[in-house]
Protein backbone atom coordinates (compact mmCIF):
# COMPACT_ATOMS: atom_id res chain seq x y z
CA UNK A 1 -6.53 12.28 -10.14
CA UNK A 2 -8.20 10.56 -13.06
CA UNK A 3 -9.77 13.17 -15.30
CA UNK A 4 -8.62 15.89 -12.92
CA UNK A 5 -11.54 15.26 -10.56
CA UNK A 6 -11.06 15.05 -6.81
CA UNK A 7 -12.15 11.74 -5.36
CA UNK A 8 -14.62 11.71 -2.50
CA UNK A 9 -11.91 9.71 -0.77
CA UNK A 10 -9.30 12.50 -0.94
CA UNK A 11 -6.74 12.72 1.84
CA UNK A 12 -6.92 14.96 4.88
CA UNK A 13 -4.36 16.50 7.19
CA UNK A 14 -2.20 14.19 9.28
CA UNK A 15 0.87 14.11 11.52
CA UNK A 16 4.16 13.09 9.93
CA UNK A 17 7.33 12.14 11.77
CA UNK A 18 10.68 13.67 10.88
CA UNK A 19 12.68 11.34 8.68
CA UNK A 20 16.38 11.33 7.77
CA UNK A 21 16.88 12.15 4.11
CA UNK A 22 17.75 9.19 1.91
CA UNK A 23 20.05 10.18 -0.96
CA UNK A 24 18.70 9.53 -4.47
CA UNK A 25 20.31 6.62 -6.27
CA UNK A 26 19.77 4.62 -9.47
CA UNK A 27 18.44 1.07 -9.33
CA UNK A 28 19.28 -1.92 -11.54
CA UNK A 29 15.89 -2.12 -13.22
CA UNK A 30 12.89 -0.38 -11.66
CA UNK A 31 10.81 -0.09 -8.48
CA UNK A 32 7.70 -1.98 -7.38
CA UNK A 33 5.86 -0.31 -4.49
CA UNK A 34 3.60 -2.70 -2.58
CA UNK A 35 0.65 -1.80 -0.41
CA UNK A 36 0.46 -4.12 2.64
CA UNK A 37 -3.09 -4.80 3.91
CA UNK A 38 -5.16 -6.62 1.31
CA UNK A 39 -2.27 -6.72 -1.17
CA UNK A 40 0.55 -8.66 0.50
CA UNK A 41 -1.36 -9.79 3.60
CA UNK A 42 -4.80 -11.39 3.29
CA UNK A 43 -6.28 -9.43 6.19
CA UNK A 44 -8.88 -6.97 4.89
CA UNK A 45 -11.77 -9.23 5.83
CA UNK A 46 -10.49 -9.48 9.41
CA UNK A 47 -9.63 -5.78 9.64
CA UNK A 48 -13.00 -4.70 8.26
CA UNK A 49 -14.82 -6.47 11.09
CA UNK A 50 -12.55 -4.84 13.69
CA UNK A 51 -13.12 -1.42 12.11
CA UNK A 52 -16.87 -1.93 11.97
CA UNK A 53 -17.08 -2.82 15.64
CA UNK A 54 -14.87 0.09 16.67
CA UNK A 55 -16.90 2.59 14.62
CA UNK A 56 -20.21 1.18 15.82
CA UNK A 57 -19.11 1.57 19.44
CA UNK A 58 -17.69 5.08 19.00
CA UNK A 59 -20.20 6.65 16.60
CA UNK A 60 -23.31 4.48 16.78
CA UNK A 61 -23.17 3.42 13.14
CA UNK A 62 -24.79 0.00 12.55
CA UNK A 63 -22.04 -2.59 12.26
CA UNK A 64 -22.88 -3.72 8.72
CA UNK A 65 -23.02 -0.15 7.47
CA UNK A 66 -19.79 0.77 9.27
CA UNK A 67 -17.98 -2.18 7.65
CA UNK A 68 -19.01 -1.08 4.15
CA UNK A 69 -17.95 2.49 4.93
CA UNK A 70 -14.56 1.22 6.05
CA UNK A 71 -14.10 -0.90 2.93
CA UNK A 72 -15.18 1.96 0.66
CA UNK A 73 -12.48 4.27 2.08
CA UNK A 74 -9.70 1.79 2.70
CA UNK A 75 -6.28 2.61 1.31
CA UNK A 76 -5.68 5.68 3.46
CA UNK A 77 -4.67 5.90 7.14
CA UNK A 78 -7.58 5.03 9.45
CA UNK A 79 -7.41 8.51 10.99
CA UNK A 80 -8.08 9.98 7.54
CA UNK A 81 -10.94 7.53 7.00
CA UNK A 82 -12.59 8.67 10.23
CA UNK A 83 -12.18 12.32 9.25
CA UNK A 84 -13.87 11.55 5.93
CA UNK A 85 -16.67 9.49 7.45
CA UNK A 86 -17.33 11.50 10.63
CA UNK A 87 -16.27 15.10 9.91
CA UNK A 88 -18.56 16.44 12.63
CA UNK A 89 -17.16 14.21 15.38
CA UNK A 90 -14.86 15.68 17.99
CA UNK A 91 -11.19 15.30 16.96
CA UNK A 92 -10.42 13.76 20.35
CA UNK A 93 -13.05 11.07 19.83
CA UNK A 94 -11.69 10.28 16.37
CA UNK A 95 -8.14 10.07 17.76
CA UNK A 96 -9.17 7.73 20.58
CA UNK A 97 -11.17 5.60 18.15
CA UNK A 98 -8.12 5.32 15.90
CA UNK A 99 -5.94 4.23 18.81
CA UNK A 100 -8.46 1.57 19.77
CA UNK A 101 -8.63 0.37 16.17
CA UNK A 102 -4.85 0.06 15.84
CA UNK A 103 -4.60 -1.90 19.10
CA UNK A 104 -7.40 -4.27 18.14
CA UNK A 105 -6.10 -4.65 14.57
CA UNK A 106 -2.84 -6.00 15.99
CA UNK A 107 -4.58 -8.32 18.46
CA UNK A 108 -7.44 -9.56 16.28
CA UNK A 109 -6.31 -9.25 12.65
CA UNK A 110 -2.53 -9.22 12.31
CA UNK A 111 -2.29 -12.05 14.85
CA UNK A 112 -4.24 -14.33 12.50
CA UNK A 113 -3.60 -12.99 9.01
CA UNK A 114 -1.16 -14.60 6.58
CA UNK A 115 0.25 -13.55 3.21
CA UNK A 116 -1.68 -14.44 0.06
CA UNK A 117 -0.35 -17.85 -1.09
CA UNK A 118 1.44 -16.59 -4.20
CA UNK A 119 3.26 -13.70 -2.50
CA UNK A 120 6.55 -15.42 -1.48
CA UNK A 121 7.16 -16.71 -5.01
CA UNK A 122 6.16 -13.36 -6.55
CA UNK A 123 8.62 -11.43 -4.37
CA UNK A 124 11.40 -13.91 -5.07
CA UNK A 125 10.85 -13.73 -8.83
CA UNK A 126 10.72 -9.93 -8.85
CA UNK A 127 13.96 -9.77 -6.89
CA UNK A 128 15.60 -12.26 -9.25
CA UNK A 129 14.48 -10.02 -12.14
CA UNK A 130 16.34 -7.14 -10.40
CA UNK A 131 13.31 -5.11 -9.39
CA UNK A 132 13.78 -3.00 -6.26
CA UNK A 133 10.89 -3.71 -3.87
CA UNK A 134 9.50 -1.25 -1.30
CA UNK A 135 6.33 -0.90 0.80
CA UNK A 136 3.81 1.94 1.17
CA UNK A 137 1.16 1.31 3.80
CA UNK A 138 -1.45 3.19 5.79
CA UNK A 139 -0.48 1.04 8.77
CA UNK A 140 2.23 2.03 11.22
CA UNK A 141 5.67 1.31 9.80
CA UNK A 142 6.81 -0.48 12.96
CA UNK A 143 3.89 -2.89 12.81
CA UNK A 144 4.35 -3.43 9.07
CA UNK A 145 8.00 -4.30 9.70
CA UNK A 146 7.04 -6.79 12.42
CA UNK A 147 4.38 -8.50 10.30
CA UNK A 148 6.71 -8.77 7.31
CA UNK A 149 9.53 -10.11 9.52
CA UNK A 150 7.18 -12.66 11.12
CA UNK A 151 6.17 -13.98 7.70
CA UNK A 152 9.74 -14.05 6.38
CA UNK A 153 9.03 -11.32 3.80
CA UNK A 154 10.85 -8.24 5.14
CA UNK A 155 14.00 -9.72 3.61
CA UNK A 156 12.87 -8.72 0.12
CA UNK A 157 12.13 -5.02 0.72
CA UNK A 158 14.52 -2.10 0.43
CA UNK A 159 12.31 0.25 2.48
CA UNK A 160 8.96 0.55 4.26
CA UNK A 161 6.98 3.79 4.65
CA UNK A 162 3.89 3.86 6.87
CA UNK A 163 1.32 6.24 8.30
CA UNK A 164 3.93 8.16 10.30
CA UNK A 165 5.80 8.95 7.09
CA UNK A 166 2.79 10.43 5.32
CA UNK A 167 0.06 9.43 2.91
CA UNK A 168 0.35 7.09 -0.05
CA UNK A 169 0.79 10.03 -2.41
CA UNK A 170 3.59 11.36 -0.22
CA UNK A 171 5.20 7.93 -0.10
CA UNK A 172 5.12 7.70 -3.90
CA UNK A 173 6.56 11.20 -4.22
CA UNK A 174 9.35 10.22 -1.82
CA UNK A 175 10.10 7.02 -3.72
CA UNK A 176 10.18 8.94 -6.99
CA UNK A 177 12.75 11.25 -5.38
CA UNK A 178 14.82 8.34 -4.07
CA UNK A 179 14.79 6.46 -7.38
CA UNK A 180 14.87 9.15 -10.09
CA UNK A 181 14.09 8.02 -13.60
CA UNK A 182 13.18 4.47 -12.55
CA UNK A 183 10.21 2.64 -14.00
CA UNK A 184 7.79 2.50 -11.04
CA UNK A 185 4.62 0.53 -10.26
CA UNK A 186 2.28 0.67 -7.27
CA UNK A 187 0.62 -2.63 -6.41
CA UNK A 188 -2.57 -2.04 -4.40
CA UNK A 189 -6.09 -3.24 -3.73
CA UNK A 190 -8.26 -0.13 -3.42
CA UNK A 191 -9.64 2.78 -5.38
CA UNK A 192 -7.46 5.08 -3.33
CA UNK A 193 -4.31 3.14 -4.28
CA UNK A 194 -5.16 3.40 -7.98
CA UNK A 195 -5.92 7.13 -7.80
CA UNK A 196 -2.82 7.83 -5.72
CA UNK A 197 -0.63 6.25 -8.40
CA UNK A 198 -2.46 8.07 -11.18
CA UNK A 199 -1.81 11.40 -9.43
CA UNK A 200 1.99 10.98 -9.39
CA UNK A 201 3.87 11.36 -12.70
CA UNK A 202 5.44 8.19 -14.05
CA UNK A 203 3.87 5.85 -11.50
CA UNK A 204 1.55 3.16 -12.83
CA UNK A 205 -0.90 1.15 -10.77
CA UNK A 206 -1.61 -2.56 -10.87
CA UNK A 207 -4.37 -3.97 -8.71
CA UNK A 208 -5.40 -6.96 -6.67
CA UNK A 209 -9.17 -7.37 -7.06
CA UNK A 210 -11.13 -8.73 -4.11
CA UNK A 211 -14.36 -10.48 -3.25
CA UNK A 212 -15.49 -10.36 0.38
CA UNK A 213 -18.85 -10.86 2.04
CA UNK A 214 -21.10 -8.01 0.80
CA UNK A 215 -18.14 -6.31 -0.88
CA UNK A 216 -16.47 -6.80 -4.26
CA UNK A 217 -13.87 -4.87 -6.22
CA UNK A 218 -13.49 -6.39 -9.66
CA UNK A 219 -10.52 -6.01 -12.02
CA UNK A 220 -12.77 -3.75 -14.11
CA UNK A 221 -13.41 -1.50 -11.10
CA UNK A 222 -9.70 -1.10 -10.45
CA UNK A 223 -8.95 -0.47 -14.12
CA UNK A 224 -11.66 2.20 -14.20
CA UNK A 225 -9.82 3.96 -11.37
CA UNK A 226 -6.45 3.83 -13.09
CA UNK A 227 -4.96 0.32 -12.93
CA UNK A 228 -3.04 -0.72 -16.03
CA UNK A 229 -3.64 -4.36 -15.01
CA UNK A 230 -5.68 -6.08 -12.29
CA UNK A 231 -6.58 -9.61 -11.24
CA UNK A 232 -7.73 -11.54 -8.16
CA UNK A 233 -4.23 -13.04 -7.81
CA UNK A 234 -0.81 -11.43 -8.22
CA UNK A 235 0.74 -14.64 -9.50
CA UNK A 236 1.28 -13.18 -12.98
CA UNK A 237 2.68 -9.88 -11.66
CA UNK A 238 6.38 -10.48 -12.51
CA UNK A 239 5.54 -11.22 -16.15
CA UNK A 240 3.04 -8.36 -16.37
CA UNK A 241 5.31 -5.61 -15.13
CA UNK A 242 8.23 -6.91 -17.17
CA UNK A 243 6.07 -6.44 -20.26
CA UNK A 244 4.85 -3.01 -19.12
CA UNK A 245 8.19 -1.67 -17.87
CA UNK A 246 9.60 1.40 -19.51
CA UNK A 247 13.22 1.29 -20.67
CA UNK A 248 15.57 3.28 -18.41
CA UNK A 249 16.21 6.89 -19.50
CA UNK A 250 19.17 7.25 -21.84
CA UNK A 251 22.40 7.78 -19.91
CA UNK A 252 21.00 6.30 -16.66
CA UNK A 253 23.12 3.39 -15.49
CA UNK A 254 22.95 1.51 -12.19
CA UNK A 255 25.59 2.71 -9.73
CA UNK A 256 27.88 -0.24 -8.98
CA UNK A 257 28.76 1.31 -5.61
CA UNK A 258 25.13 1.08 -4.49
CA UNK A 259 24.02 -2.49 -3.98
CA UNK A 260 20.36 -3.32 -3.69
CA UNK A 261 18.84 -4.86 -0.59
CA UNK A 262 18.95 -8.18 -2.44
CA UNK A 263 22.67 -7.97 -3.08
CA UNK A 264 23.51 -6.71 0.40
CA UNK A 265 21.71 -9.65 1.95
CA UNK A 266 23.33 -12.18 -0.36
CA UNK A 267 20.22 -13.33 -2.21
CA UNK A 268 20.57 -15.95 -4.91
């Protein structure tokens, strides 16, 4: 955490599925870890209204207040948000509320949401610059895969980790294990994303600032929470991280026997 202090948005316990171990391997250049909601997909406005309605129905919180509470704690799995916001509520009620939220998010938000306009070109440029691209999301991995496939973006990513594979900090720890010594960036849109990156050695955060109805996160806000760069668009991201990238550790060379997702899929 920044300054060693624990954020009021710290993570809570969660269920994690068993995953096969992926062997560590070097990468050609470095790793860019993308958050999904609000970073790749322009859906936080839609999702916040779904969350507000679900929380108002389950817990009696006024809808406007519930929406702000959701936005203030976004970046972690919704189950963890509910545990933070309603610690005195029965666990069964929180679990049912989370299930309702995930169902409605698919039907009412993911159905309509599209990627931010610059994202396809950004991913293509990063891949051409030999960055290895992966996803860390608080959404379910299966749904993240489907949304990325639908939008023609899954093609660019080596791996996707979601809520069933742990928290953002655990995802970053896992990616650090998989790609030892690689220069690594987390691209996110929330305070929690910035603090998660700051808590993991050798991971740097860059941020997408946002401006929604009654809610704004400025580049300055994200930089205060640990971002080394932030803007309202990610259009400049390939140039920014190229300038910020650390040189590979001495003696670390890409393994020619391990081809990146880009090479395996025959990207130009």
